[in-house]
Amino acid sequence: KRGHQLGRVIGQGSALPNSGVPGMIGGYGAQRVIHAPASGTIRVLE
């Protein structure tokens, strides 16, 4: 998980739980990630 603990070696216990929120880049978090709005074969145009 991005932040102060990123890359820390844990010998007992677990990593921080998944928040489901992408890390911030250039002021954007969840907005910068795109998820499939439907099921099917994707045709990439860009």
Full PDB file with SEQRES, HELIX, SHEET, SSBOND, CRYST1, ORIGX, SCALE, CONECT and MASTER records, all heavy atoms in Angstrom:
SEQRES   1 A   46  LYS ARG GLY HIS GLN LEU GLY ARG VAL ILE GLY GLN GLY          
SEQRES   2 A   46  SER ALA LEU PRO ASN SER GLY VAL PRO GLY MET ILE GLY          
SEQRES   3 A   46  GLY TYR GLY ALA GLN ARG VAL ILE HIS ALA PRO ALA SER          
SEQRES   4 A   46  GLY THR ILE ARG VAL LEU GLU                                  
HELIX    1 AA1 ALA A   30  ARG A   32  5                                   3    
CRYST1    1.000    1.000    1.000  90.00  90.00  90.00 P 1           1          
ORIGX1      1.000000  0.000000  0.000000        0.00000                         
ORIGX2      0.000000  1.000000  0.000000        0.00000                         
ORIGX3      0.000000  0.000000  1.000000        0.00000                         
SCALE1      1.000000  0.000000  0.000000        0.00000                         
SCALE2      0.000000  1.000000  0.000000        0.00000                         
SCALE3      0.000000  0.000000  1.000000        0.00000                         
ATOM      1  N   LYS A   1       0.844  -1.202   0.000  1.00  0.00           N  
ATOM      2  CA  LYS A   1       0.000   0.000   0.000  1.00  0.00           C  
ATOM      3  C   LYS A   1       0.873   1.243   0.000  1.00  0.00           C  
ATOM      4  O   LYS A   1       1.814   1.359   0.799  1.00  0.00           O  
ATOM      5  CB  LYS A   1      -0.915   0.020   1.226  1.00  0.00           C  
ATOM      6  CG  LYS A   1      -1.904   1.185   1.249  1.00  0.00           C  
ATOM      7  CD  LYS A   1      -2.821   1.086   2.447  1.00  0.00           C  
ATOM      8  CE  LYS A   1      -3.770   2.281   2.525  1.00  0.00           C  
ATOM      9  NZ  LYS A   1      -4.664   2.357   1.370  1.00  0.00           N  
ATOM     10  N   ARG A   2       0.576   2.171  -0.897  1.00  0.00           N  
ATOM     11  CA  ARG A   2       1.350   3.417  -0.962  1.00  0.00           C  
ATOM     12  C   ARG A   2       1.303   4.139   0.384  1.00  0.00           C  
ATOM     13  O   ARG A   2       0.300   4.127   1.083  1.00  0.00           O  
ATOM     14  CB  ARG A   2       0.788   4.344  -2.041  1.00  0.00           C  
ATOM     15  CG  ARG A   2       1.179   3.933  -3.455  1.00  0.00           C  
ATOM     16  CD  ARG A   2       0.858   5.036  -4.445  1.00  0.00           C  
ATOM     17  NE  ARG A   2       1.208   4.653  -5.802  1.00  0.00           N  
ATOM     18  CZ  ARG A   2       2.410   4.789  -6.338  1.00  0.00           C  
ATOM     19  NH1 ARG A   2       3.392   5.299  -5.626  1.00  0.00           N  
ATOM     20  NH2 ARG A   2       2.629   4.420  -7.581  1.00  0.00           N  
ATOM     21  N   GLY A   3       2.395   4.797   0.713  1.00  0.00           N  
ATOM     22  CA  GLY A   3       2.472   5.526   1.972  1.00  0.00           C  
ATOM     23  C   GLY A   3       3.745   5.191   2.718  1.00  0.00           C  
ATOM     24  O   GLY A   3       4.691   4.603   2.169  1.00  0.00           O  
ATOM     25  N   HIS A   4       3.763   5.526   3.985  1.00  0.00           N  
ATOM     26  CA  HIS A   4       4.966   5.418   4.798  1.00  0.00           C  
ATOM     27  C   HIS A   4       5.463   3.982   4.943  1.00  0.00           C  
ATOM     28  O   HIS A   4       6.665   3.750   5.105  1.00  0.00           O  
ATOM     29  CB  HIS A   4       4.676   5.999   6.189  1.00  0.00           C  
ATOM     30  CG  HIS A   4       5.888   6.148   7.044  1.00  0.00           C  
ATOM     31  ND1 HIS A   4       6.854   7.116   6.815  1.00  0.00           N  
ATOM     32  CD2 HIS A   4       6.324   5.439   8.126  1.00  0.00           C  
ATOM     33  CE1 HIS A   4       7.813   7.004   7.722  1.00  0.00           C  
ATOM     34  NE2 HIS A   4       7.514   5.992   8.522  1.00  0.00           N  
ATOM     35  N   GLN A   5       4.548   2.995   4.884  1.00  0.00           N  
ATOM     36  CA  GLN A   5       4.924   1.601   5.118  1.00  0.00           C  
ATOM     37  C   GLN A   5       5.256   0.832   3.832  1.00  0.00           C  
ATOM     38  O   GLN A   5       5.630  -0.343   3.901  1.00  0.00           O  
ATOM     39  CB  GLN A   5       3.781   0.870   5.839  1.00  0.00           C  
ATOM     40  CG  GLN A   5       3.399   1.470   7.178  1.00  0.00           C  
ATOM     41  CD  GLN A   5       4.525   1.386   8.195  1.00  0.00           C  
ATOM     42  OE1 GLN A   5       5.292   0.422   8.205  1.00  0.00           O  
ATOM     43  NE2 GLN A   5       4.638   2.393   9.042  1.00  0.00           N  
ATOM     44  N   LEU A   6       5.127   1.451   2.674  1.00  0.00           N  
ATOM     45  CA  LEU A   6       5.345   0.757   1.397  1.00  0.00           C  
ATOM     46  C   LEU A   6       6.709   0.072   1.362  1.00  0.00           C  
ATOM     47  O   LEU A   6       7.733   0.696   1.633  1.00  0.00           O  
ATOM     48  CB  LEU A   6       5.240   1.749   0.239  1.00  0.00           C  
ATOM     49  CG  LEU A   6       5.502   1.183  -1.165  1.00  0.00           C  
ATOM     50  CD1 LEU A   6       4.464   0.134  -1.529  1.00  0.00           C  
ATOM     51  CD2 LEU A   6       5.512   2.306  -2.210  1.00  0.00           C  
ATOM     52  N   GLY A   7       6.710  -1.221   1.030  1.00  0.00           N  
ATOM     53  CA  GLY A   7       7.947  -1.979   0.935  1.00  0.00           C  
ATOM     54  C   GLY A   7       8.429  -2.573   2.244  1.00  0.00           C  
ATOM     55  O   GLY A   7       9.441  -3.287   2.261  1.00  0.00           O  
ATOM     56  N   ARG A   8       7.706  -2.335   3.340  1.00  0.00           N  
ATOM     57  CA  ARG A   8       8.129  -2.846   4.649  1.00  0.00           C  
ATOM     58  C   ARG A   8       8.056  -4.368   4.684  1.00  0.00           C  
ATOM     59  O   ARG A   8       7.112  -4.971   4.179  1.00  0.00           O  
ATOM     60  CB  ARG A   8       7.254  -2.252   5.752  1.00  0.00           C  
ATOM     61  CG  ARG A   8       7.663  -2.675   7.171  1.00  0.00           C  
ATOM     62  CD  ARG A   8       6.918  -1.853   8.212  1.00  0.00           C  
ATOM     63  NE  ARG A   8       5.509  -2.214   8.226  1.00  0.00           N  
ATOM     64  CZ  ARG A   8       4.970  -3.117   9.069  1.00  0.00           C  
ATOM     65  NH1 ARG A   8       5.744  -3.759   9.919  1.00  0.00           N  
ATOM     66  NH2 ARG A   8       3.672  -3.354   9.046  1.00  0.00           N  
ATOM     67  N   VAL A   9       9.047  -4.990   5.314  1.00  0.00           N  
ATOM     68  CA  VAL A   9       9.067  -6.438   5.499  1.00  0.00           C  
ATOM     69  C   VAL A   9       8.310  -6.788   6.777  1.00  0.00           C  
ATOM     70  O   VAL A   9       8.617  -6.280   7.854  1.00  0.00           O  
ATOM     71  CB  VAL A   9      10.508  -6.964   5.584  1.00  0.00           C  
ATOM     72  CG1 VAL A   9      10.521  -8.459   5.892  1.00  0.00           C  
ATOM     73  CG2 VAL A   9      11.259  -6.678   4.291  1.00  0.00           C  
ATOM     74  N   ILE A  10       7.314  -7.661   6.634  1.00  0.00           N  
ATOM     75  CA  ILE A  10       6.478  -8.062   7.768  1.00  0.00           C  
ATOM     76  C   ILE A  10       6.789  -9.519   8.103  1.00  0.00           C  
ATOM     77  O   ILE A  10       6.591 -10.404   7.268  1.00  0.00           O  
ATOM     78  CB  ILE A  10       4.984  -7.905   7.428  1.00  0.00           C  
ATOM     79  CG1 ILE A  10       4.687  -6.435   7.055  1.00  0.00           C  
ATOM     80  CG2 ILE A  10       4.098  -8.360   8.579  1.00  0.00           C  
ATOM     81  CD1 ILE A  10       3.313  -6.234   6.432  1.00  0.00           C  
ATOM     82  N   GLY A  11       7.284  -9.758   9.310  1.00  0.00           N  
ATOM     83  CA  GLY A  11       7.634 -11.106   9.737  1.00  0.00           C  
ATOM     84  C   GLY A  11       6.529 -11.801  10.500  1.00  0.00           C  
ATOM     85  O   GLY A  11       6.499 -13.031  10.577  1.00  0.00           O  
ATOM     86  N   GLN A  12       5.617 -11.032  11.059  1.00  0.00           N  
ATOM     87  CA  GLN A  12       4.460 -11.575  11.760  1.00  0.00           C  
ATOM     88  C   GLN A  12       3.257 -10.689  11.447  1.00  0.00           C  
ATOM     89  O   GLN A  12       3.308  -9.481  11.602  1.00  0.00           O  
ATOM     90  CB  GLN A  12       4.683 -11.595  13.277  1.00  0.00           C  
ATOM     91  CG  GLN A  12       5.729 -12.594  13.741  1.00  0.00           C  
ATOM     92  CD  GLN A  12       5.277 -14.044  13.585  1.00  0.00           C  
ATOM     93  OE1 GLN A  12       4.096 -14.344  13.679  1.00  0.00           O  
ATOM     94  NE2 GLN A  12       6.228 -14.941  13.340  1.00  0.00           N  
ATOM     95  N   GLY A  13       2.172 -11.320  10.979  1.00  0.00           N  
ATOM     96  CA  GLY A  13       0.969 -10.556  10.679  1.00  0.00           C  
ATOM     97  C   GLY A  13       0.784 -10.319   9.188  1.00  0.00           C  
ATOM     98  O   GLY A  13       1.422 -10.970   8.353  1.00  0.00           O  
ATOM     99  N   SER A  14      -0.062  -9.353   8.867  1.00  0.00           N  
ATOM    100  CA  SER A  14      -0.496  -9.146   7.489  1.00  0.00           C  
ATOM    101  C   SER A  14      -0.221  -7.727   7.012  1.00  0.00           C  
ATOM    102  O   SER A  14      -0.005  -6.817   7.817  1.00  0.00           O  
ATOM    103  CB  SER A  14      -1.999  -9.431   7.370  1.00  0.00           C  
ATOM    104  OG  SER A  14      -2.309 -10.735   7.827  1.00  0.00           O  
ATOM    105  N   ALA A  15      -0.276  -7.557   5.704  1.00  0.00           N  
ATOM    106  CA  ALA A  15      -0.196  -6.218   5.112  1.00  0.00           C  
ATOM    107  C   ALA A  15      -1.499  -5.476   5.384  1.00  0.00           C  
ATOM    108  O   ALA A  15      -2.508  -6.076   5.786  1.00  0.00           O  
ATOM    109  CB  ALA A  15       0.048  -6.329   3.612  1.00  0.00           C  
ATOM    110  N   LEU A  16      -1.488  -4.182   5.157  1.00  0.00           N  
ATOM    111  CA  LEU A  16      -2.701  -3.390   5.339  1.00  0.00           C  
ATOM    112  C   LEU A  16      -3.780  -3.883   4.380  1.00  0.00           C  
ATOM    113  O   LEU A  16      -3.490  -4.270   3.248  1.00  0.00           O  
ATOM    114  CB  LEU A  16      -2.410  -1.909   5.081  1.00  0.00           C  
ATOM    115  CG  LEU A  16      -1.456  -1.249   6.078  1.00  0.00           C  
ATOM    116  CD1 LEU A  16      -1.042   0.137   5.585  1.00  0.00           C  
ATOM    117  CD2 LEU A  16      -2.105  -1.143   7.449  1.00  0.00           C  
ATOM    118  N   PRO A  17      -5.047  -3.900   4.817  1.00  0.00           N  
ATOM    119  CA  PRO A  17      -6.120  -4.409   3.952  1.00  0.00           C  
ATOM    120  C   PRO A  17      -6.308  -3.559   2.709  1.00  0.00           C  
ATOM    121  O   PRO A  17      -5.994  -2.357   2.709  1.00  0.00           O  
ATOM    122  CB  PRO A  17      -7.360  -4.368   4.852  1.00  0.00           C  
ATOM    123  CG  PRO A  17      -7.036  -3.357   5.910  1.00  0.00           C  
ATOM    124  CD  PRO A  17      -5.552  -3.454   6.125  1.00  0.00           C  
ATOM    125  N   ASN A  18      -6.814  -4.180   1.653  1.00  0.00           N  
ATOM    126  CA  ASN A  18      -7.070  -3.468   0.412  1.00  0.00           C  
ATOM    127  C   ASN A  18      -8.200  -2.470   0.607  1.00  0.00           C  
ATOM    128  O   ASN A  18      -9.311  -2.834   1.001  1.00  0.00           O  
ATOM    129  CB  ASN A  18      -7.441  -4.478  -0.682  1.00  0.00           C  
ATOM    130  CG  ASN A  18      -7.762  -3.817  -1.998  1.00  0.00           C  
ATOM    131  OD1 ASN A  18      -7.160  -2.803  -2.351  1.00  0.00           O  
ATOM    132  ND2 ASN A  18      -8.713  -4.382  -2.732  1.00  0.00           N  
ATOM    133  N   SER A  19      -7.921  -1.202   0.302  1.00  0.00           N  
ATOM    134  CA  SER A  19      -8.938  -0.156   0.478  1.00  0.00           C  
ATOM    135  C   SER A  19      -9.882  -0.081  -0.706  1.00  0.00           C  
ATOM    136  O   SER A  19     -10.969   0.485  -0.609  1.00  0.00           O  
ATOM    137  CB  SER A  19      -8.261   1.203   0.670  1.00  0.00           C  
ATOM    138  OG  SER A  19      -7.585   1.589  -0.515  1.00  0.00           O  
ATOM    139  N   GLY A  20      -9.447  -0.637  -1.857  1.00  0.00           N  
ATOM    140  CA  GLY A  20     -10.266  -0.553  -3.062  1.00  0.00           C  
ATOM    141  C   GLY A  20     -10.177   0.795  -3.753  1.00  0.00           C  
ATOM    142  O   GLY A  20     -10.826   1.010  -4.778  1.00  0.00           O  
ATOM    143  N   VAL A  21      -9.370   1.712  -3.203  1.00  0.00           N  
ATOM    144  CA  VAL A  21      -9.223   3.052  -3.776  1.00  0.00           C  
ATOM    145  C   VAL A  21      -7.824   3.197  -4.366  1.00  0.00           C  
ATOM    146  O   VAL A  21      -6.834   3.051  -3.642  1.00  0.00           O  
ATOM    147  CB  VAL A  21      -9.460   4.143  -2.705  1.00  0.00           C  
ATOM    148  CG1 VAL A  21      -9.280   5.532  -3.312  1.00  0.00           C  
ATOM    149  CG2 VAL A  21     -10.832   3.995  -2.079  1.00  0.00           C  
ATOM    150  N   PRO A  22      -7.692   3.460  -5.655  1.00  0.00           N  
ATOM    151  CA  PRO A  22      -6.365   3.618  -6.268  1.00  0.00           C  
ATOM    152  C   PRO A  22      -5.599   4.780  -5.654  1.00  0.00           C  
ATOM    153  O   PRO A  22      -6.195   5.759  -5.186  1.00  0.00           O  
ATOM    154  CB  PRO A  22      -6.688   3.905  -7.742  1.00  0.00           C  
ATOM    155  CG  PRO A  22      -8.080   3.385  -7.941  1.00  0.00           C  
ATOM    156  CD  PRO A  22      -8.785   3.594  -6.636  1.00  0.00           C  
ATOM    157  N   GLY A  23      -4.273   4.674  -5.654  1.00  0.00           N  
ATOM    158  CA  GLY A  23      -3.441   5.750  -5.138  1.00  0.00           C  
ATOM    159  C   GLY A  23      -3.582   7.020  -5.968  1.00  0.00           C  
ATOM    160  O   GLY A  23      -3.893   6.977  -7.155  1.00  0.00           O  
ATOM    161  N   MET A  24      -3.349   8.151  -5.322  1.00  0.00           N  
ATOM    162  CA  MET A  24      -3.482   9.441  -5.991  1.00  0.00           C  
ATOM    163  C   MET A  24      -2.292   9.705  -6.903  1.00  0.00           C  
ATOM    164  O   MET A  24      -1.142   9.524  -6.519  1.00  0.00           O  
ATOM    165  CB  MET A  24      -3.579  10.556  -4.951  1.00  0.00           C  
ATOM    166  CG  MET A  24      -4.803  10.474  -4.052  1.00  0.00           C  
ATOM    167  SD  MET A  24      -6.351  10.782  -4.930  1.00  0.00           S  
ATOM    168  CE  MET A  24      -6.228  12.551  -5.192  1.00  0.00           C  
ATOM    169  N   ILE A  25      -2.586  10.118  -8.126  1.00  0.00           N  
ATOM    170  CA  ILE A  25      -1.572  10.559  -9.086  1.00  0.00           C  
ATOM    171  C   ILE A  25      -2.066  11.855  -9.703  1.00  0.00           C  
ATOM    172  O   ILE A  25      -3.145  11.894 -10.288  1.00  0.00           O  
ATOM    173  CB  ILE A  25      -1.334   9.510 -10.190  1.00  0.00           C  
ATOM    174  CG1 ILE A  25      -0.683   8.241  -9.616  1.00  0.00           C  
ATOM    175  CG2 ILE A  25      -0.451  10.083 -11.295  1.00  0.00           C  
ATOM    176  CD1 ILE A  25      -0.398   7.173 -10.639  1.00  0.00           C  
ATOM    177  N   GLY A  26      -1.289  12.895  -9.551  1.00  0.00           N  
ATOM    178  CA  GLY A  26      -1.667  14.185 -10.127  1.00  0.00           C  
ATOM    179  C   GLY A  26      -3.014  14.684  -9.648  1.00  0.00           C  
ATOM    180  O   GLY A  26      -3.722  15.375 -10.381  1.00  0.00           O  
ATOM    181  N   GLY A  27      -3.377  14.336  -8.418  1.00  0.00           N  
ATOM    182  CA  GLY A  27      -4.640  14.801  -7.850  1.00  0.00           C  
ATOM    183  C   GLY A  27      -5.838  13.906  -8.151  1.00  0.00           C  
ATOM    184  O   GLY A  27      -6.960  14.212  -7.735  1.00  0.00           O  
ATOM    185  N   TYR A  28      -5.623  12.802  -8.861  1.00  0.00           N  
ATOM    186  CA  TYR A  28      -6.719  11.896  -9.210  1.00  0.00           C  
ATOM    187  C   TYR A  28      -6.474  10.518  -8.615  1.00  0.00           C  
ATOM    188  O   TYR A  28      -5.359  10.003  -8.653  1.00  0.00           O  
ATOM    189  CB  TYR A  28      -6.858  11.769 -10.730  1.00  0.00           C  
ATOM    190  CG  TYR A  28      -7.332  13.030 -11.417  1.00  0.00           C  
ATOM    191  CD1 TYR A  28      -6.410  13.949 -11.920  1.00  0.00           C  
ATOM    192  CD2 TYR A  28      -8.688  13.295 -11.568  1.00  0.00           C  
ATOM    193  CE1 TYR A  28      -6.839  15.108 -12.551  1.00  0.00           C  
ATOM    194  CE2 TYR A  28      -9.121  14.443 -12.213  1.00  0.00           C  
ATOM    195  CZ  TYR A  28      -8.201  15.347 -12.693  1.00  0.00           C  
ATOM    196  OH  TYR A  28      -8.623  16.491 -13.318  1.00  0.00           O  
ATOM    197  N   GLY A  29      -7.532   9.914  -8.099  1.00  0.00           N  
ATOM    198  CA  GLY A  29      -7.460   8.569  -7.558  1.00  0.00           C  
ATOM    199  C   GLY A  29      -8.335   7.635  -8.365  1.00  0.00           C  
ATOM    200  O   GLY A  29      -7.956   7.161  -9.433  1.00  0.00           O  
ATOM    201  N   ALA A  30      -9.551   7.391  -7.857  1.00  0.00           N  
ATOM    202  CA  ALA A  30     -10.463   6.456  -8.523  1.00  0.00           C  
ATOM    203  C   ALA A  30     -10.819   6.903  -9.939  1.00  0.00           C  
ATOM    204  O   ALA A  30     -11.078   6.067 -10.818  1.00  0.00           O  
ATOM    205  CB  ALA A  30     -11.734   6.299  -7.693  1.00  0.00           C  
ATOM    206  N   GLN A  31     -10.808   8.231 -10.178  1.00  0.00           N  
ATOM    207  CA  GLN A  31     -11.222   8.746 -11.490  1.00  0.00           C  
ATOM    208  C   GLN A  31     -10.299   8.312 -12.620  1.00  0.00           C  
ATOM    209  O   GLN A  31     -10.711   8.225 -13.772  1.00  0.00           O  
ATOM    210  CB  GLN A  31     -11.287  10.285 -11.478  1.00  0.00           C  
ATOM    211  CG  GLN A  31     -12.119  10.865 -10.346  1.00  0.00           C  
ATOM    212  CD  GLN A  31     -11.235  11.350  -9.209  1.00  0.00           C  
ATOM    213  OE1 GLN A  31     -10.390  10.608  -8.722  1.00  0.00           O  
ATOM    214  NE2 GLN A  31     -11.437  12.592  -8.790  1.00  0.00           N  
ATOM    215  N   ARG A  32      -9.040   8.036 -12.302  1.00  0.00           N  
ATOM    216  CA  ARG A  32      -8.070   7.728 -13.361  1.00  0.00           C  
ATOM    217  C   ARG A  32      -8.107   6.264 -13.796  1.00  0.00           C  
ATOM    218  O   ARG A  32      -7.514   5.906 -14.818  1.00  0.00           O  
ATOM    219  CB  ARG A  32      -6.657   8.086 -12.913  1.00  0.00           C  
ATOM    220  CG  ARG A  32      -6.142   7.258 -11.770  1.00  0.00           C  
ATOM    221  CD  ARG A  32      -4.717   7.659 -11.363  1.00  0.00           C  
ATOM    222  NE  ARG A  32      -4.246   6.890 -10.227  1.00  0.00           N  
ATOM    223  CZ  ARG A  32      -3.760   5.659 -10.311  1.00  0.00           C  
ATOM    224  NH1 ARG A  32      -3.659   5.075 -11.482  1.00  0.00           N  
ATOM    225  NH2 ARG A  32      -3.363   5.018  -9.227  1.00  0.00           N  
ATOM    226  N   VAL A  33      -8.798   5.426 -13.045  1.00  0.00           N  
ATOM    227  CA  VAL A  33      -8.861   3.989 -13.351  1.00  0.00           C  
ATOM    228  C   VAL A  33     -10.209   3.658 -13.989  1.00  0.00           C  
ATOM    229  O   VAL A  33     -11.257   4.085 -13.515  1.00  0.00           O  
ATOM    230  CB  VAL A  33      -8.663   3.152 -12.078  1.00  0.00           C  
ATOM    231  CG1 VAL A  33      -8.802   1.663 -12.393  1.00  0.00           C  
ATOM    232  CG2 VAL A  33      -7.283   3.426 -11.475  1.00  0.00           C  
ATOM    233  N   ILE A  34     -10.172   2.895 -15.075  1.00  0.00           N  
ATOM    234  CA  ILE A  34     -11.386   2.548 -15.813  1.00  0.00           C  
ATOM    235  C   ILE A  34     -11.650   1.057 -15.677  1.00  0.00           C  
ATOM    236  O   ILE A  34     -10.750   0.233 -15.852  1.00  0.00           O  
ATOM    237  CB  ILE A  34     -11.237   2.924 -17.302  1.00  0.00           C  
ATOM    238  CG1 ILE A  34     -10.988   4.432 -17.444  1.00  0.00           C  
ATOM    239  CG2 ILE A  34     -12.475   2.506 -18.095  1.00  0.00           C  
ATOM    240  CD1 ILE A  34     -10.654   4.863 -18.855  1.00  0.00           C  
ATOM    241  N   HIS A  35     -12.899   0.735 -15.354  1.00  0.00           N  
ATOM    242  CA  HIS A  35     -13.326  -0.653 -15.237  1.00  0.00           C  
ATOM    243  C   HIS A  35     -14.314  -0.983 -16.357  1.00  0.00           C  
ATOM    244  O   HIS A  35     -15.016  -0.104 -16.859  1.00  0.00           O  
ATOM    245  CB  HIS A  35     -13.973  -0.910 -13.882  1.00  0.00           C  
ATOM    246  CG  HIS A  35     -13.028  -0.739 -12.727  1.00  0.00           C  
ATOM    247  ND1 HIS A  35     -12.771   0.492 -12.152  1.00  0.00           N  
ATOM    248  CD2 HIS A  35     -12.250  -1.638 -12.063  1.00  0.00           C  
ATOM    249  CE1 HIS A  35     -11.893   0.343 -11.181  1.00  0.00           C  
ATOM    250  NE2 HIS A  35     -11.566  -0.933 -11.103  1.00  0.00           N  
ATOM    251  N   ALA A  36     -14.348  -2.235 -16.738  1.00  0.00           N  
ATOM    252  CA  ALA A  36     -15.201  -2.653 -17.850  1.00  0.00           C  
ATOM    253  C   ALA A  36     -16.677  -2.391 -17.522  1.00  0.00           C  
ATOM    254  O   ALA A  36     -17.176  -2.891 -16.521  1.00  0.00           O  
ATOM    255  CB  ALA A  36     -14.988  -4.131 -18.152  1.00  0.00           C  
ATOM    256  N   PRO A  37     -17.374  -1.629 -18.372  1.00  0.00           N  
ATOM    257  CA  PRO A  37     -18.796  -1.359 -18.140  1.00  0.00           C  
ATOM    258  C   PRO A  37     -19.700  -2.503 -18.588  1.00  0.00           C  
ATOM    259  O   PRO A  37     -20.909  -2.472 -18.371  1.00  0.00           O  
ATOM    260  CB  PRO A  37     -19.041  -0.104 -18.980  1.00  0.00           C  
ATOM    261  CG  PRO A  37     -18.059  -0.215 -20.102  1.00  0.00           C  
ATOM    262  CD  PRO A  37     -16.845  -0.882 -19.531  1.00  0.00           C  
ATOM    263  N   ALA A  38     -19.112  -3.493 -19.260  1.00  0.00           N  
ATOM    264  CA  ALA A  38     -19.896  -4.628 -19.769  1.00  0.00           C  
ATOM    265  C   ALA A  38     -18.971  -5.825 -19.945  1.00  0.00           C  
ATOM    266  O   ALA A  38     -17.741  -5.695 -19.876  1.00  0.00           O  
ATOM    267  CB  ALA A  38     -20.552  -4.267 -21.102  1.00  0.00           C  
ATOM    268  N   SER A  39     -19.545  -6.982 -20.161  1.00  0.00           N  
ATOM    269  CA  SER A  39     -18.763  -8.186 -20.449  1.00  0.00           C  
ATOM    270  C   SER A  39     -18.708  -8.423 -21.958  1.00  0.00           C  
ATOM    271  O   SER A  39     -19.650  -8.084 -22.674  1.00  0.00           O  
ATOM    272  CB  SER A  39     -19.395  -9.404 -19.763  1.00  0.00           C  
ATOM    273  OG  SER A  39     -19.370  -9.268 -18.355  1.00  0.00           O  
ATOM    274  N   GLY A  40     -17.587  -8.993 -22.402  1.00  0.00           N  
ATOM    275  CA  GLY A  40     -17.441  -9.284 -23.828  1.00  0.00           C  
ATOM    276  C   GLY A  40     -16.007  -9.108 -24.272  1.00  0.00           C  
ATOM    277  O   GLY A  40     -15.107  -8.879 -23.459  1.00  0.00           O  
ATOM    278  N   THR A  41     -15.784  -9.203 -25.561  1.00  0.00           N  
ATOM    279  CA  THR A  41     -14.442  -9.046 -26.132  1.00  0.00           C  
ATOM    280  C   THR A  41     -14.152  -7.568 -26.369  1.00  0.00           C  
ATOM    281  O   THR A  41     -14.932  -6.867 -27.019  1.00  0.00           O  
ATOM    282  CB  THR A  41     -14.328  -9.815 -27.458  1.00  0.00           C  
ATOM    283  OG1 THR A  41     -14.584 -11.197 -27.209  1.00  0.00           O  
ATOM    284  CG2 THR A  41     -12.934  -9.652 -28.055  1.00  0.00           C  
ATOM    285  N   ILE A  42     -13.029  -7.100 -25.835  1.00  0.00           N  
ATOM    286  CA  ILE A  42     -12.694  -5.684 -25.959  1.00  0.00           C  
ATOM    287  C   ILE A  42     -11.925  -5.434 -27.251  1.00  0.00           C  
ATOM    288  O   ILE A  42     -11.075  -6.227 -27.659  1.00  0.00           O  
ATOM    289  CB  ILE A  42     -11.886  -5.189 -24.745  1.00  0.00           C  
ATOM    290  CG1 ILE A  42     -11.751  -3.666 -24.754  1.00  0.00           C  
ATOM    291  CG2 ILE A  42     -10.517  -5.853 -24.681  1.00  0.00           C  
ATOM    292  CD1 ILE A  42     -11.246  -3.078 -23.448  1.00  0.00           C  
ATOM    293  N   ARG A  43     -12.266  -4.338 -27.908  1.00  0.00           N  
ATOM    294  CA  ARG A  43     -11.543  -3.862 -29.090  1.00  0.00           C  
ATOM    295  C   ARG A  43     -10.917  -2.525 -28.737  1.00  0.00           C  
ATOM    296  O   ARG A  43     -11.605  -1.525 -28.572  1.00  0.00           O  
ATOM    297  CB  ARG A  43     -12.488  -3.721 -30.287  1.00  0.00           C  
ATOM    298  CG  ARG A  43     -13.038  -5.053 -30.775  1.00  0.00           C  
ATOM    299  CD  ARG A  43     -11.925  -6.014 -31.141  1.00  0.00           C  
ATOM    300  NE  ARG A  43     -12.396  -7.376 -31.446  1.00  0.00           N  
ATOM    301  CZ  ARG A  43     -11.621  -8.441 -31.491  1.00  0.00           C  
ATOM    302  NH1 ARG A  43     -10.319  -8.318 -31.242  1.00  0.00           N  
ATOM    303  NH2 ARG A  43     -12.123  -9.622 -31.763  1.00  0.00           N  
ATOM    304  N   VAL A  44      -9.600  -2.523 -28.596  1.00  0.00           N  
ATOM    305  CA  VAL A  44      -8.867  -1.336 -28.157  1.00  0.00           C  
ATOM    306  C   VAL A  44      -8.636  -0.401 -29.336  1.00  0.00           C  
ATOM    307  O   VAL A  44      -8.171  -0.826 -30.395  1.00  0.00           O  
ATOM    308  CB  VAL A  44      -7.530  -1.747 -27.509  1.00  0.00           C  
ATOM    309  CG1 VAL A  44      -6.697  -0.521 -27.170  1.00  0.00           C  
ATOM    310  CG2 VAL A  44      -7.792  -2.588 -26.263  1.00  0.00           C  
ATOM    311  N   LEU A  45      -8.943   0.880 -29.133  1.00  0.00           N  
ATOM    312  CA  LEU A  45      -8.839   1.872 -30.203  1.00  0.00           C  
ATOM    313  C   LEU A  45      -7.700   2.869 -29.980  1.00  0.00           C  
ATOM    314  O   LEU A  45      -7.302   3.563 -30.920  1.00  0.00           O  
ATOM    315  CB  LEU A  45     -10.165   2.626 -30.350  1.00  0.00           C  
ATOM    316  CG  LEU A  45     -11.395   1.744 -30.607  1.00  0.00           C  
ATOM    317  CD1 LEU A  45     -12.666   2.589 -30.608  1.00  0.00           C  
ATOM    318  CD2 LEU A  45     -11.250   0.996 -31.918  1.00  0.00           C  
ATOM    319  N   GLU A  46      -7.205   2.971 -28.759  1.00  0.00           N  
ATOM    320  CA  GLU A  46      -6.100   3.881 -28.455  1.00  0.00           C  
ATOM    321  C   GLU A  46      -4.970   3.100 -27.801  1.00  0.00           C  
ATOM    322  O   GLU A  46      -5.200   2.259 -26.944  1.00  0.00           O  
ATOM    323  CB  GLU A  46      -6.558   5.003 -27.517  1.00  0.00           C  
ATOM    324  CG  GLU A  46      -7.563   5.959 -28.132  1.00  0.00           C  
ATOM    325  CD  GLU A  46      -6.976   6.836 -29.230  1.00  0.00           C  
ATOM    326  OE1 GLU A  46      -5.723   6.953 -29.301  1.00  0.00           O  
ATOM    327  OE2 GLU A  46      -7.754   7.402 -30.006  1.00  0.00           O  
TER     328      GLU A  46                                                      
MASTER        0    0    0    1    0    0    0    6  327    1    0    4          
END                                                                             
